[in-house]
């Protein structure tokens, strides 16, 4: 069980070794308009242990952003590792390499960067958006997300609003990959939760020039 306050360890992942499973178990959901999402629950074993390591070792920082006429706190803590920068745990390097190999035919380029987010409780969130900075504004691409810690819902809807097309609870080593036109034609979010939820860390892998 995790020693990080607030984290409810998974009953199915109490091992003391951190490792990755096979990727052929990924299941794809086609959302339409060229967008799709792959999902693999529990790809990473030892996820609670990895959460502890990242929570302690990553240089987390808070950010403030301009919202209309005032500056507000970003409701989560952040860290970013650019191309060529050492990642905070060897399994994150292994995961990036495994994803690059698995999607080589579809993506045609490696995953290079890793952005990390720490959601401290249910008040931390991400509003509806698409990762449209850089090439993802005009090109099909992929964003892969590995999650550790307590599950939080990832929701997707069409760009500009509409019904929720997909809702996935992500945590405890789950993997999701948003591909095709997903960043342009869809929006995704991590909504606030009124339930008592513990902390979660997401690791987002992107190719060069995709934000």
Protein backbone atom coordinates (compact mmCIF):
# COMPACT_ATOMS: atom_id res chain seq x y z
CA UNK A 1 0.00 0.00 0.00
CA UNK A 2 1.26 3.46 -0.83
CA UNK A 3 2.72 5.66 1.89
CA UNK A 4 1.70 8.85 0.05
CA UNK A 5 -1.19 10.43 2.03
CA UNK A 6 -4.51 10.19 0.22
CA UNK A 7 -3.51 7.51 -2.31
CA UNK A 8 -5.71 4.43 -2.17
CA UNK A 9 -3.54 1.59 -3.44
CA UNK A 10 -5.02 -0.84 -5.94
CA UNK A 11 -6.06 -4.22 -4.51
CA UNK A 12 -4.86 -5.80 -7.77
CA UNK A 13 -1.42 -4.16 -7.89
CA UNK A 14 0.42 -4.75 -4.62
CA UNK A 15 3.73 -5.97 -6.13
CA UNK A 16 7.10 -4.45 -5.37
CA UNK A 17 8.35 -4.52 -8.97
CA UNK A 18 7.62 -1.95 -11.64
CA UNK A 19 7.22 -3.30 -15.18
CA UNK A 20 5.28 -3.12 -18.43
CA UNK A 21 2.96 -5.68 -19.95
CA UNK A 22 2.42 -6.48 -23.65
CA UNK A 23 0.71 -3.92 -25.90
CA UNK A 24 -1.31 -6.20 -28.23
CA UNK A 25 -4.18 -6.06 -25.72
CA UNK A 26 -4.96 -2.45 -26.71
CA UNK A 27 -8.57 -1.99 -27.76
CA UNK A 28 -9.49 0.76 -30.21
CA UNK A 29 -12.62 2.90 -30.14
CA UNK A 30 -13.34 4.82 -33.36
CA UNK A 31 -14.90 8.20 -32.56
CA UNK A 32 -15.51 9.38 -36.12
CA UNK A 33 -14.06 12.16 -38.29
CA UNK A 34 -10.74 10.30 -38.38
CA UNK A 35 -10.31 10.21 -34.58
CA UNK A 36 -9.72 7.12 -32.46
CA UNK A 37 -8.69 6.12 -28.93
CA UNK A 38 -6.76 3.02 -27.84
CA UNK A 39 -7.14 1.81 -24.25
CA UNK A 40 -5.25 -0.78 -22.20
CA UNK A 41 -6.08 -1.10 -18.48
CA UNK A 42 -3.21 -2.08 -16.19
CA UNK A 43 -0.39 -1.92 -18.75
CA UNK A 44 2.04 -1.01 -15.96
CA UNK A 45 2.47 -3.26 -12.92
CA UNK A 46 3.79 -1.78 -9.69
CA UNK A 47 1.91 1.42 -10.51
CA UNK A 48 1.45 2.44 -6.88
CA UNK A 49 5.20 2.16 -6.28
CA UNK A 50 5.90 4.25 -9.39
CA UNK A 51 3.44 6.86 -8.15
CA UNK A 52 5.41 7.15 -4.90
CA UNK A 53 8.71 7.50 -6.76
CA UNK A 54 7.40 10.18 -9.11
CA UNK A 55 5.58 12.09 -6.39
CA UNK A 56 8.84 12.33 -4.44
CA UNK A 57 11.45 12.68 -7.22
CA UNK A 58 9.86 14.88 -9.90
CA UNK A 59 10.47 18.66 -9.54
CA UNK A 60 6.79 19.59 -9.55
CA UNK A 61 5.85 23.22 -10.02
CA UNK A 62 2.67 25.27 -10.07
CA UNK A 63 1.74 27.62 -12.92
CA UNK A 64 -0.55 30.60 -13.30
CA UNK A 65 -2.38 31.43 -16.52
CA UNK A 66 -4.35 34.36 -17.83
CA UNK A 67 -8.09 33.70 -17.88
CA UNK A 68 -10.03 36.58 -19.38
CA UNK A 69 -9.02 39.61 -17.27
CA UNK A 70 -7.30 37.88 -14.36
CA UNK A 71 -4.50 35.44 -13.65
CA UNK A 72 -5.46 32.17 -11.96
CA UNK A 73 -3.67 29.09 -10.62
CA UNK A 74 -3.51 26.08 -12.94
CA UNK A 75 -5.45 23.40 -11.00
CA UNK A 76 -2.69 20.75 -10.99
CA UNK A 77 1.10 20.54 -10.62
CA UNK A 78 3.30 20.15 -13.70
CA UNK A 79 6.66 18.95 -14.96
CA UNK A 80 8.03 18.68 -18.50
CA UNK A 81 10.88 16.68 -20.03
CA UNK A 82 11.91 17.78 -23.49
CA UNK A 83 13.56 15.75 -26.21
CA UNK A 84 16.86 14.32 -24.96
CA UNK A 85 16.24 15.13 -21.29
CA UNK A 86 16.57 12.20 -18.85
CA UNK A 87 13.24 10.97 -17.52
CA UNK A 88 12.70 10.56 -13.77
CA UNK A 89 12.36 6.75 -13.81
CA UNK A 90 13.75 4.04 -16.15
CA UNK A 91 10.30 2.53 -16.79
CA UNK A 92 9.18 5.81 -18.36
CA UNK A 93 11.99 5.42 -20.89
CA UNK A 94 10.94 1.81 -21.52
CA UNK A 95 7.32 2.86 -21.98
CA UNK A 96 8.23 5.54 -24.51
CA UNK A 97 10.35 3.07 -26.49
CA UNK A 98 7.61 0.42 -26.41
CA UNK A 99 5.01 2.90 -27.65
CA UNK A 100 7.32 4.10 -30.42
CA UNK A 101 7.84 0.50 -31.60
CA UNK A 102 4.18 -0.43 -31.40
CA UNK A 103 2.93 2.61 -33.35
CA UNK A 104 5.84 2.87 -35.80
CA UNK A 105 3.74 1.97 -38.85
CA UNK A 106 0.89 4.36 -38.02
CA UNK A 107 2.79 7.25 -36.46
CA UNK A 108 5.96 7.10 -38.54
CA UNK A 109 8.08 8.90 -35.93
CA UNK A 110 9.09 8.42 -32.28
CA UNK A 111 7.52 9.77 -29.15
CA UNK A 112 10.09 12.26 -27.83
CA UNK A 113 8.73 14.42 -24.99
CA UNK A 114 7.05 13.65 -21.67
CA UNK A 115 4.76 16.01 -19.80
CA UNK A 116 3.69 15.07 -16.28
CA UNK A 117 0.65 16.28 -14.34
CA UNK A 118 -0.07 15.69 -10.65
CA UNK A 119 -3.75 15.89 -9.70
CA UNK A 120 -3.70 16.27 -5.93
CA UNK A 121 -7.40 15.64 -5.30
CA UNK A 122 -10.79 15.97 -6.96
CA UNK A 123 -10.49 19.75 -7.18
CA UNK A 124 -7.60 19.49 -9.66
CA UNK A 125 -8.70 19.16 -13.27
CA UNK A 126 -8.15 19.93 -16.96
CA UNK A 127 -10.80 21.86 -18.90
CA UNK A 128 -12.05 20.84 -22.34
CA UNK A 129 -9.28 21.25 -24.92
CA UNK A 130 -7.32 19.66 -27.75
CA UNK A 131 -3.52 19.52 -27.92
CA UNK A 132 -3.36 21.90 -30.88
CA UNK A 133 -0.02 23.61 -30.31
CA UNK A 134 2.41 22.94 -33.15
CA UNK A 135 1.87 20.32 -35.85
CA UNK A 136 -1.17 18.80 -34.14
CA UNK A 137 -3.18 21.84 -35.26
CA UNK A 138 -3.02 20.68 -38.87
CA UNK A 139 -1.75 17.06 -38.89
CA UNK A 140 -2.89 13.71 -37.55
CA UNK A 141 -0.74 12.60 -34.63
CA UNK A 142 -0.82 10.70 -31.33
CA UNK A 143 -0.71 11.54 -27.64
CA UNK A 144 -0.14 8.57 -25.30
CA UNK A 145 -1.02 8.87 -21.60
CA UNK A 146 0.12 6.52 -18.85
CA UNK A 147 -1.66 7.01 -15.51
CA UNK A 148 -0.71 6.03 -11.95
CA UNK A 149 -2.50 6.79 -8.71
CA UNK A 150 -6.23 6.97 -8.05
CA UNK A 151 -8.38 6.77 -11.20
CA UNK A 152 -9.83 9.94 -12.72
CA UNK A 153 -12.18 10.10 -15.69
CA UNK A 154 -10.89 11.13 -19.11
CA UNK A 155 -13.84 12.31 -21.20
CA UNK A 156 -13.98 13.07 -24.93
CA UNK A 157 -16.51 14.99 -27.03
CA UNK A 158 -16.57 16.61 -30.50
CA UNK A 159 -14.61 19.84 -30.92
CA UNK A 160 -16.78 22.80 -30.01
CA UNK A 161 -19.14 20.85 -27.77
CA UNK A 162 -21.65 18.05 -27.98
CA UNK A 163 -22.36 14.78 -26.21
CA UNK A 164 -19.65 12.86 -24.38
CA UNK A 165 -18.49 10.13 -26.76
CA UNK A 166 -16.18 8.28 -24.40
CA UNK A 167 -15.47 8.22 -20.66
CA UNK A 168 -12.49 6.24 -19.34
CA UNK A 169 -11.42 6.01 -15.68
CA UNK A 170 -7.60 6.13 -15.81
CA UNK A 171 -5.22 5.22 -12.98
CA UNK A 172 -3.18 2.35 -11.51
CA UNK A 173 -1.08 1.77 -14.64
CA UNK A 174 -3.72 2.32 -17.34
CA UNK A 175 -2.72 3.44 -20.85
CA UNK A 176 -4.72 5.50 -23.32
CA UNK A 177 -3.59 6.71 -26.76
CA UNK A 178 -5.49 9.42 -28.65
CA UNK A 179 -4.74 9.18 -32.36
CA UNK A 180 -5.65 10.20 -35.87
CA UNK A 181 -7.44 13.56 -35.99
CA UNK A 182 -8.34 13.38 -32.27
CA UNK A 183 -6.56 16.59 -31.25
CA UNK A 184 -8.27 18.60 -34.01
CA UNK A 185 -11.74 17.10 -34.21
CA UNK A 186 -12.27 16.15 -30.56
CA UNK A 187 -11.80 17.73 -27.14
CA UNK A 188 -10.81 15.95 -23.94
CA UNK A 189 -10.92 16.86 -20.26
CA UNK A 190 -10.32 15.59 -16.73
CA UNK A 191 -13.37 16.98 -14.89
CA UNK A 192 -13.37 17.96 -11.23
CA UNK A 193 -14.76 15.26 -8.96
CA UNK A 194 -17.08 15.67 -6.00
CA UNK A 195 -16.14 12.20 -4.82
CA UNK A 196 -13.33 11.70 -2.32
CA UNK A 197 -10.49 10.80 -4.69
CA UNK A 198 -6.78 10.57 -4.00
CA UNK A 199 -3.90 11.89 -6.10
CA UNK A 200 -3.12 10.81 -9.65
CA UNK A 201 -0.13 11.34 -11.94
CA UNK A 202 -0.39 11.24 -15.73
CA UNK A 203 2.58 10.94 -18.08
CA UNK A 204 1.86 12.26 -21.59
CA UNK A 205 4.13 11.20 -24.43
CA UNK A 206 4.15 13.26 -27.63
CA UNK A 207 6.15 13.33 -30.88
CA UNK A 208 8.41 16.26 -31.71
CA UNK A 209 6.52 19.49 -32.36
CA UNK A 210 3.22 18.31 -30.88
CA UNK A 211 1.82 20.24 -27.92
